[in-house]
Amino acid sequence: MEKATALGAVRGLGSAKQGAHHWLRQRLTAVGNLFIGGWFVASLLLLPNTNFITLRDWASHAVPACGLALLVVCGFWHARLGVQVMIEDYIHDAGSKFACLAALNLAAVGGAMFGLVMVARLAFGGM
């Protein structure tokens, strides 16, 4: 049975509904990365030198440690959103898509947690 109109041909295929929300989150994390990354680069340029001791002492203060934690979280979140779009666009098999998205989530959360633990080690003086 053939659909009578073009609208009838696309009914039942569903709408994006979450597309604008995903797009907005990706743009907001990009802007956040610009601001936090700019702060990070400016902070490094203002340091007298960039040896390990100086960077460790700098990162052990509260404001730089919080900024580094935000940089880690925002960076991994933005990367996860971008790779998710690529997986959804280019992997069509449902099982493969699920496996790739699960691996992506594991890698993003694992990487962010590792980065946060390293920032915490620097902030609390544990080496």
N, C-alpha and C. Protein backbone atom coordinates (compact mmCIF):
# COMPACT_ATOMS: atom_id res chain seq x y z
N MET A 1 0.85 -1.18 0.00
CA MET A 1 0.00 0.00 0.00
C MET A 1 0.88 1.23 0.00
N GLU A 2 0.65 2.11 -0.93
CA GLU A 2 1.48 3.30 -1.09
C GLU A 2 0.87 4.47 -0.34
N LYS A 3 1.73 5.32 0.23
CA LYS A 3 1.26 6.51 0.95
C LYS A 3 0.77 7.55 -0.05
N ALA A 4 -0.29 8.25 0.32
CA ALA A 4 -0.91 9.20 -0.60
C ALA A 4 -0.13 10.51 -0.68
N THR A 5 0.49 10.93 0.38
CA THR A 5 1.19 12.22 0.39
C THR A 5 2.62 12.03 0.86
N ALA A 6 3.43 13.07 0.65
CA ALA A 6 4.81 13.03 1.14
C ALA A 6 4.85 13.00 2.66
N LEU A 7 3.92 13.68 3.30
CA LEU A 7 3.86 13.67 4.75
C LEU A 7 3.57 12.27 5.27
N GLY A 8 2.72 11.56 4.57
CA GLY A 8 2.39 10.19 4.97
C GLY A 8 3.59 9.26 4.87
N ALA A 9 4.49 9.56 3.94
CA ALA A 9 5.67 8.71 3.76
C ALA A 9 6.64 8.83 4.93
N VAL A 10 6.65 9.96 5.61
CA VAL A 10 7.59 10.15 6.71
C VAL A 10 6.96 9.98 8.08
N ARG A 11 5.68 9.84 8.15
CA ARG A 11 5.03 9.61 9.45
C ARG A 11 5.50 8.30 10.05
N GLY A 12 5.66 8.33 11.34
CA GLY A 12 6.07 7.13 12.04
C GLY A 12 7.57 6.95 12.11
N LEU A 13 8.31 7.78 11.39
CA LEU A 13 9.77 7.67 11.46
C LEU A 13 10.32 8.36 12.69
N GLY A 14 9.52 9.16 13.36
CA GLY A 14 9.95 9.82 14.58
C GLY A 14 10.62 11.14 14.30
N SER A 15 10.72 11.92 15.34
CA SER A 15 11.39 13.21 15.22
C SER A 15 12.64 13.20 16.07
N ALA A 16 13.48 14.16 15.84
CA ALA A 16 14.74 14.23 16.56
C ALA A 16 14.52 14.54 18.04
N LYS A 17 13.61 15.37 18.39
CA LYS A 17 13.24 15.80 19.74
C LYS A 17 14.44 16.15 20.62
N GLN A 18 15.51 15.39 20.61
CA GLN A 18 16.67 15.68 21.44
C GLN A 18 17.80 16.32 20.63
N GLY A 19 17.60 16.51 19.35
CA GLY A 19 18.66 17.03 18.51
C GLY A 19 19.11 18.42 18.90
N ALA A 20 18.18 19.31 19.19
CA ALA A 20 18.54 20.67 19.56
C ALA A 20 19.24 20.69 20.91
N HIS A 21 18.81 19.85 21.81
CA HIS A 21 19.44 19.79 23.13
C HIS A 21 20.88 19.30 23.02
N HIS A 22 21.11 18.27 22.22
CA HIS A 22 22.46 17.75 22.01
C HIS A 22 23.34 18.80 21.33
N TRP A 23 22.80 19.45 20.32
CA TRP A 23 23.55 20.49 19.61
C TRP A 23 23.92 21.62 20.57
N LEU A 24 22.99 22.04 21.42
CA LEU A 24 23.25 23.13 22.36
C LEU A 24 24.31 22.72 23.39
N ARG A 25 24.23 21.49 23.90
CA ARG A 25 25.25 21.03 24.86
C ARG A 25 26.63 21.00 24.21
N GLN A 26 26.70 20.58 22.96
CA GLN A 26 27.99 20.54 22.28
C GLN A 26 28.56 21.94 22.11
N ARG A 27 27.71 22.90 21.76
CA ARG A 27 28.18 24.28 21.59
C ARG A 27 28.57 24.90 22.93
N LEU A 28 27.81 24.62 23.98
CA LEU A 28 28.14 25.17 25.30
C LEU A 28 29.46 24.59 25.83
N THR A 29 29.69 23.31 25.62
CA THR A 29 30.96 22.75 26.06
C THR A 29 32.12 23.30 25.23
N ALA A 30 31.87 23.60 23.96
CA ALA A 30 32.92 24.21 23.13
C ALA A 30 33.27 25.60 23.65
N VAL A 31 32.27 26.39 23.99
CA VAL A 31 32.52 27.73 24.54
C VAL A 31 33.22 27.61 25.89
N GLY A 32 32.79 26.66 26.70
CA GLY A 32 33.45 26.43 27.99
C GLY A 32 34.90 26.05 27.81
N ASN A 33 35.17 25.19 26.83
CA ASN A 33 36.56 24.80 26.55
C ASN A 33 37.39 26.00 26.10
N LEU A 34 36.79 26.90 25.32
CA LEU A 34 37.52 28.10 24.89
C LEU A 34 37.91 28.96 26.09
N PHE A 35 36.97 29.20 26.99
CA PHE A 35 37.26 30.03 28.15
C PHE A 35 38.25 29.36 29.10
N ILE A 36 38.00 28.10 29.42
CA ILE A 36 38.88 27.41 30.36
C ILE A 36 40.25 27.17 29.74
N GLY A 37 40.28 26.84 28.44
CA GLY A 37 41.56 26.67 27.76
C GLY A 37 42.34 27.97 27.68
N GLY A 38 41.64 29.08 27.42
CA GLY A 38 42.30 30.38 27.41
C GLY A 38 42.86 30.74 28.77
N TRP A 39 42.09 30.46 29.81
CA TRP A 39 42.59 30.70 31.17
C TRP A 39 43.84 29.85 31.43
N PHE A 40 43.81 28.60 31.01
CA PHE A 40 44.94 27.70 31.25
C PHE A 40 46.19 28.18 30.53
N VAL A 41 46.06 28.56 29.28
CA VAL A 41 47.22 29.05 28.52
C VAL A 41 47.75 30.34 29.12
N ALA A 42 46.85 31.26 29.48
CA ALA A 42 47.28 32.52 30.10
C ALA A 42 47.97 32.26 31.43
N SER A 43 47.45 31.33 32.20
CA SER A 43 48.08 31.01 33.48
C SER A 43 49.47 30.44 33.29
N LEU A 44 49.63 29.57 32.31
CA LEU A 44 50.96 29.01 32.05
C LEU A 44 51.94 30.08 31.57
N LEU A 45 51.44 31.01 30.76
CA LEU A 45 52.33 32.08 30.27
C LEU A 45 52.76 33.03 31.38
N LEU A 46 51.95 33.17 32.42
CA LEU A 46 52.28 34.06 33.53
C LEU A 46 53.21 33.43 34.55
N LEU A 47 53.43 32.13 34.46
CA LEU A 47 54.35 31.47 35.39
C LEU A 47 55.79 31.86 35.04
N PRO A 48 56.67 31.94 36.06
CA PRO A 48 58.06 32.32 35.77
C PRO A 48 58.79 31.30 34.90
N ASN A 49 58.53 30.02 35.10
CA ASN A 49 59.06 28.97 34.23
C ASN A 49 58.10 27.79 34.27
N THR A 50 58.34 26.83 33.43
CA THR A 50 57.39 25.71 33.33
C THR A 50 58.04 24.38 33.70
N ASN A 51 58.90 24.40 34.69
CA ASN A 51 59.44 23.12 35.14
C ASN A 51 58.41 22.42 36.03
N PHE A 52 58.67 21.18 36.36
CA PHE A 52 57.70 20.38 37.08
C PHE A 52 57.37 20.96 38.46
N ILE A 53 58.38 21.41 39.17
CA ILE A 53 58.19 21.92 40.53
C ILE A 53 57.27 23.14 40.50
N THR A 54 57.50 24.05 39.57
CA THR A 54 56.67 25.26 39.48
C THR A 54 55.23 24.90 39.13
N LEU A 55 55.04 24.00 38.17
CA LEU A 55 53.69 23.59 37.79
C LEU A 55 52.99 22.84 38.92
N ARG A 56 53.72 22.02 39.63
CA ARG A 56 53.12 21.29 40.76
C ARG A 56 52.69 22.25 41.85
N ASP A 57 53.55 23.23 42.15
CA ASP A 57 53.20 24.23 43.17
C ASP A 57 52.01 25.07 42.73
N TRP A 58 51.96 25.43 41.45
CA TRP A 58 50.85 26.20 40.93
C TRP A 58 49.54 25.41 41.02
N ALA A 59 49.59 24.14 40.62
CA ALA A 59 48.38 23.31 40.60
C ALA A 59 47.92 22.91 41.99
N SER A 60 48.74 23.10 43.00
CA SER A 60 48.34 22.72 44.36
C SER A 60 47.46 23.78 45.02
N HIS A 61 47.28 24.92 44.40
CA HIS A 61 46.37 25.94 44.93
C HIS A 61 44.94 25.65 44.48
N ALA A 62 43.97 26.22 45.20
CA ALA A 62 42.56 25.87 44.98
C ALA A 62 42.04 26.31 43.61
N VAL A 63 42.30 27.54 43.22
CA VAL A 63 41.73 28.04 41.95
C VAL A 63 42.30 27.29 40.75
N PRO A 64 43.63 27.13 40.65
CA PRO A 64 44.12 26.34 39.51
C PRO A 64 43.64 24.89 39.52
N ALA A 65 43.53 24.28 40.69
CA ALA A 65 43.07 22.89 40.74
C ALA A 65 41.63 22.79 40.26
N CYS A 66 40.78 23.72 40.67
CA CYS A 66 39.38 23.71 40.20
C CYS A 66 39.32 23.97 38.70
N GLY A 67 40.13 24.90 38.21
CA GLY A 67 40.17 25.17 36.77
C GLY A 67 40.63 23.97 35.97
N LEU A 68 41.64 23.27 36.47
CA LEU A 68 42.11 22.07 35.78
C LEU A 68 41.03 20.97 35.79
N ALA A 69 40.33 20.83 36.91
CA ALA A 69 39.26 19.84 36.99
C ALA A 69 38.15 20.18 35.99
N LEU A 70 37.79 21.46 35.89
CA LEU A 70 36.78 21.88 34.92
C LEU A 70 37.26 21.62 33.49
N LEU A 71 38.53 21.88 33.24
CA LEU A 71 39.09 21.63 31.90
C LEU A 71 39.00 20.16 31.54
N VAL A 72 39.30 19.28 32.49
CA VAL A 72 39.23 17.84 32.24
C VAL A 72 37.79 17.41 31.95
N VAL A 73 36.87 17.81 32.83
CA VAL A 73 35.48 17.39 32.68
C VAL A 73 34.87 17.94 31.40
N CYS A 74 35.05 19.23 31.15
CA CYS A 74 34.46 19.86 29.97
C CYS A 74 35.08 19.30 28.69
N GLY A 75 36.38 19.03 28.71
CA GLY A 75 37.05 18.48 27.53
C GLY A 75 36.55 17.09 27.18
N PHE A 76 36.45 16.22 28.19
CA PHE A 76 35.98 14.87 27.93
C PHE A 76 34.50 14.86 27.55
N TRP A 77 33.70 15.73 28.16
CA TRP A 77 32.28 15.79 27.84
C TRP A 77 32.10 16.24 26.38
N HIS A 78 32.84 17.27 25.97
CA HIS A 78 32.75 17.76 24.60
C HIS A 78 33.20 16.68 23.60
N ALA A 79 34.29 16.01 23.92
CA ALA A 79 34.77 14.95 23.03
C ALA A 79 33.76 13.82 22.91
N ARG A 80 33.14 13.45 24.03
CA ARG A 80 32.14 12.40 24.01
C ARG A 80 30.95 12.78 23.14
N LEU A 81 30.49 14.02 23.25
CA LEU A 81 29.36 14.48 22.44
C LEU A 81 29.70 14.44 20.95
N GLY A 82 30.89 14.87 20.60
CA GLY A 82 31.29 14.88 19.20
C GLY A 82 31.43 13.49 18.60
N VAL A 83 32.06 12.58 19.35
CA VAL A 83 32.24 11.22 18.84
C VAL A 83 30.89 10.49 18.80
N GLN A 84 30.00 10.81 19.74
CA GLN A 84 28.66 10.20 19.72
C GLN A 84 27.94 10.54 18.42
N VAL A 85 28.04 11.78 17.97
CA VAL A 85 27.40 12.18 16.71
C VAL A 85 27.99 11.39 15.54
N MET A 86 29.31 11.22 15.53
CA MET A 86 29.92 10.45 14.44
C MET A 86 29.45 9.00 14.46
N ILE A 87 29.38 8.40 15.64
CA ILE A 87 28.93 7.01 15.74
C ILE A 87 27.48 6.90 15.26
N GLU A 88 26.63 7.81 15.70
CA GLU A 88 25.22 7.75 15.30
C GLU A 88 25.04 7.97 13.81
N ASP A 89 25.91 8.78 13.20
CA ASP A 89 25.78 9.06 11.78
C ASP A 89 26.33 7.95 10.89
N TYR A 90 27.40 7.29 11.31
CA TYR A 90 28.11 6.39 10.40
C TYR A 90 28.00 4.92 10.74
N ILE A 91 27.50 4.56 11.90
CA ILE A 91 27.33 3.15 12.24
C ILE A 91 25.84 2.86 12.25
N HIS A 92 25.40 1.97 11.36
CA HIS A 92 23.98 1.77 11.15
C HIS A 92 23.45 0.51 11.82
N ASP A 93 24.28 -0.49 12.05
CA ASP A 93 23.85 -1.72 12.70
C ASP A 93 23.58 -1.42 14.18
N ALA A 94 22.42 -1.80 14.67
CA ALA A 94 22.01 -1.46 16.04
C ALA A 94 22.95 -2.04 17.09
N GLY A 95 23.38 -3.27 16.90
CA GLY A 95 24.28 -3.89 17.87
C GLY A 95 25.64 -3.23 17.90
N SER A 96 26.17 -2.95 16.72
CA SER A 96 27.47 -2.27 16.65
C SER A 96 27.39 -0.86 17.21
N LYS A 97 26.29 -0.18 16.93
CA LYS A 97 26.12 1.17 17.44
C LYS A 97 26.08 1.16 18.97
N PHE A 98 25.34 0.20 19.54
CA PHE A 98 25.26 0.09 20.99
C PHE A 98 26.63 -0.19 21.59
N ALA A 99 27.38 -1.12 20.98
CA ALA A 99 28.70 -1.47 21.50
C ALA A 99 29.65 -0.27 21.42
N CYS A 100 29.60 0.46 20.32
CA CYS A 100 30.48 1.62 20.17
C CYS A 100 30.12 2.73 21.16
N LEU A 101 28.82 2.95 21.36
CA LEU A 101 28.40 3.97 22.32
C LEU A 101 28.76 3.56 23.75
N ALA A 102 28.64 2.27 24.06
CA ALA A 102 29.03 1.80 25.39
C ALA A 102 30.54 1.97 25.60
N ALA A 103 31.33 1.62 24.59
CA ALA A 103 32.78 1.79 24.69
C ALA A 103 33.15 3.28 24.79
N LEU A 104 32.44 4.12 24.06
CA LEU A 104 32.68 5.55 24.13
C LEU A 104 32.40 6.08 25.52
N ASN A 105 31.27 5.68 26.10
CA ASN A 105 30.93 6.14 27.45
C ASN A 105 31.96 5.66 28.46
N LEU A 106 32.40 4.42 28.33
CA LEU A 106 33.41 3.89 29.23
C LEU A 106 34.72 4.66 29.10
N ALA A 107 35.14 4.93 27.88
CA ALA A 107 36.38 5.67 27.66
C ALA A 107 36.28 7.10 28.17
N ALA A 108 35.15 7.75 27.93
CA ALA A 108 35.00 9.14 28.37
C ALA A 108 34.96 9.24 29.89
N VAL A 109 34.19 8.38 30.53
CA VAL A 109 34.11 8.43 31.99
C VAL A 109 35.44 8.00 32.60
N GLY A 110 36.04 6.96 32.07
CA GLY A 110 37.33 6.51 32.58
C GLY A 110 38.43 7.56 32.42
N GLY A 111 38.47 8.19 31.26
CA GLY A 111 39.48 9.22 31.03
C GLY A 111 39.27 10.43 31.93
N ALA A 112 38.01 10.83 32.09
CA ALA A 112 37.72 11.97 32.96
C ALA A 112 38.05 11.64 34.41
N MET A 113 37.72 10.45 34.85
CA MET A 113 38.04 10.06 36.23
C MET A 113 39.55 10.01 36.45
N PHE A 114 40.28 9.48 35.49
CA PHE A 114 41.73 9.45 35.60
C PHE A 114 42.30 10.87 35.69
N GLY A 115 41.80 11.75 34.84
CA GLY A 115 42.26 13.13 34.87
C GLY A 115 41.94 13.82 36.19
N LEU A 116 40.74 13.57 36.73
CA LEU A 116 40.36 14.18 38.00
C LEU A 116 41.20 13.64 39.16
N VAL A 117 41.52 12.34 39.11
CA VAL A 117 42.39 11.79 40.15
C VAL A 117 43.78 12.42 40.08
N MET A 118 44.28 12.62 38.87
CA MET A 118 45.61 13.24 38.73
C MET A 118 45.59 14.70 39.21
N VAL A 119 44.52 15.42 38.92
CA VAL A 119 44.41 16.80 39.42
C VAL A 119 44.32 16.79 40.94
N ALA A 120 43.58 15.85 41.50
CA ALA A 120 43.46 15.76 42.96
C ALA A 120 44.81 15.43 43.59
N ARG A 121 45.56 14.53 42.96
CA ARG A 121 46.90 14.23 43.48
C ARG A 121 47.79 15.45 43.48
N LEU A 122 47.72 16.23 42.41
CA LEU A 122 48.51 17.47 42.38
C LEU A 122 48.02 18.47 43.42
N ALA A 123 46.70 18.59 43.54
CA ALA A 123 46.14 19.58 44.44
C ALA A 123 46.42 19.26 45.90
N PHE A 124 46.41 18.00 46.25
CA PHE A 124 46.62 17.62 47.64
C PHE A 124 48.05 17.24 47.96
N GLY A 125 48.93 17.44 46.99
CA GLY A 125 50.36 17.26 47.25
C GLY A 125 50.86 15.84 47.20
N GLY A 126 50.04 14.88 46.85
CA GLY A 126 50.49 13.50 46.77
C GLY A 126 51.18 13.23 45.45
N MET A 127 52.35 12.71 45.47
CA MET A 127 53.07 12.38 44.25
C MET A 127 53.37 10.93 44.32
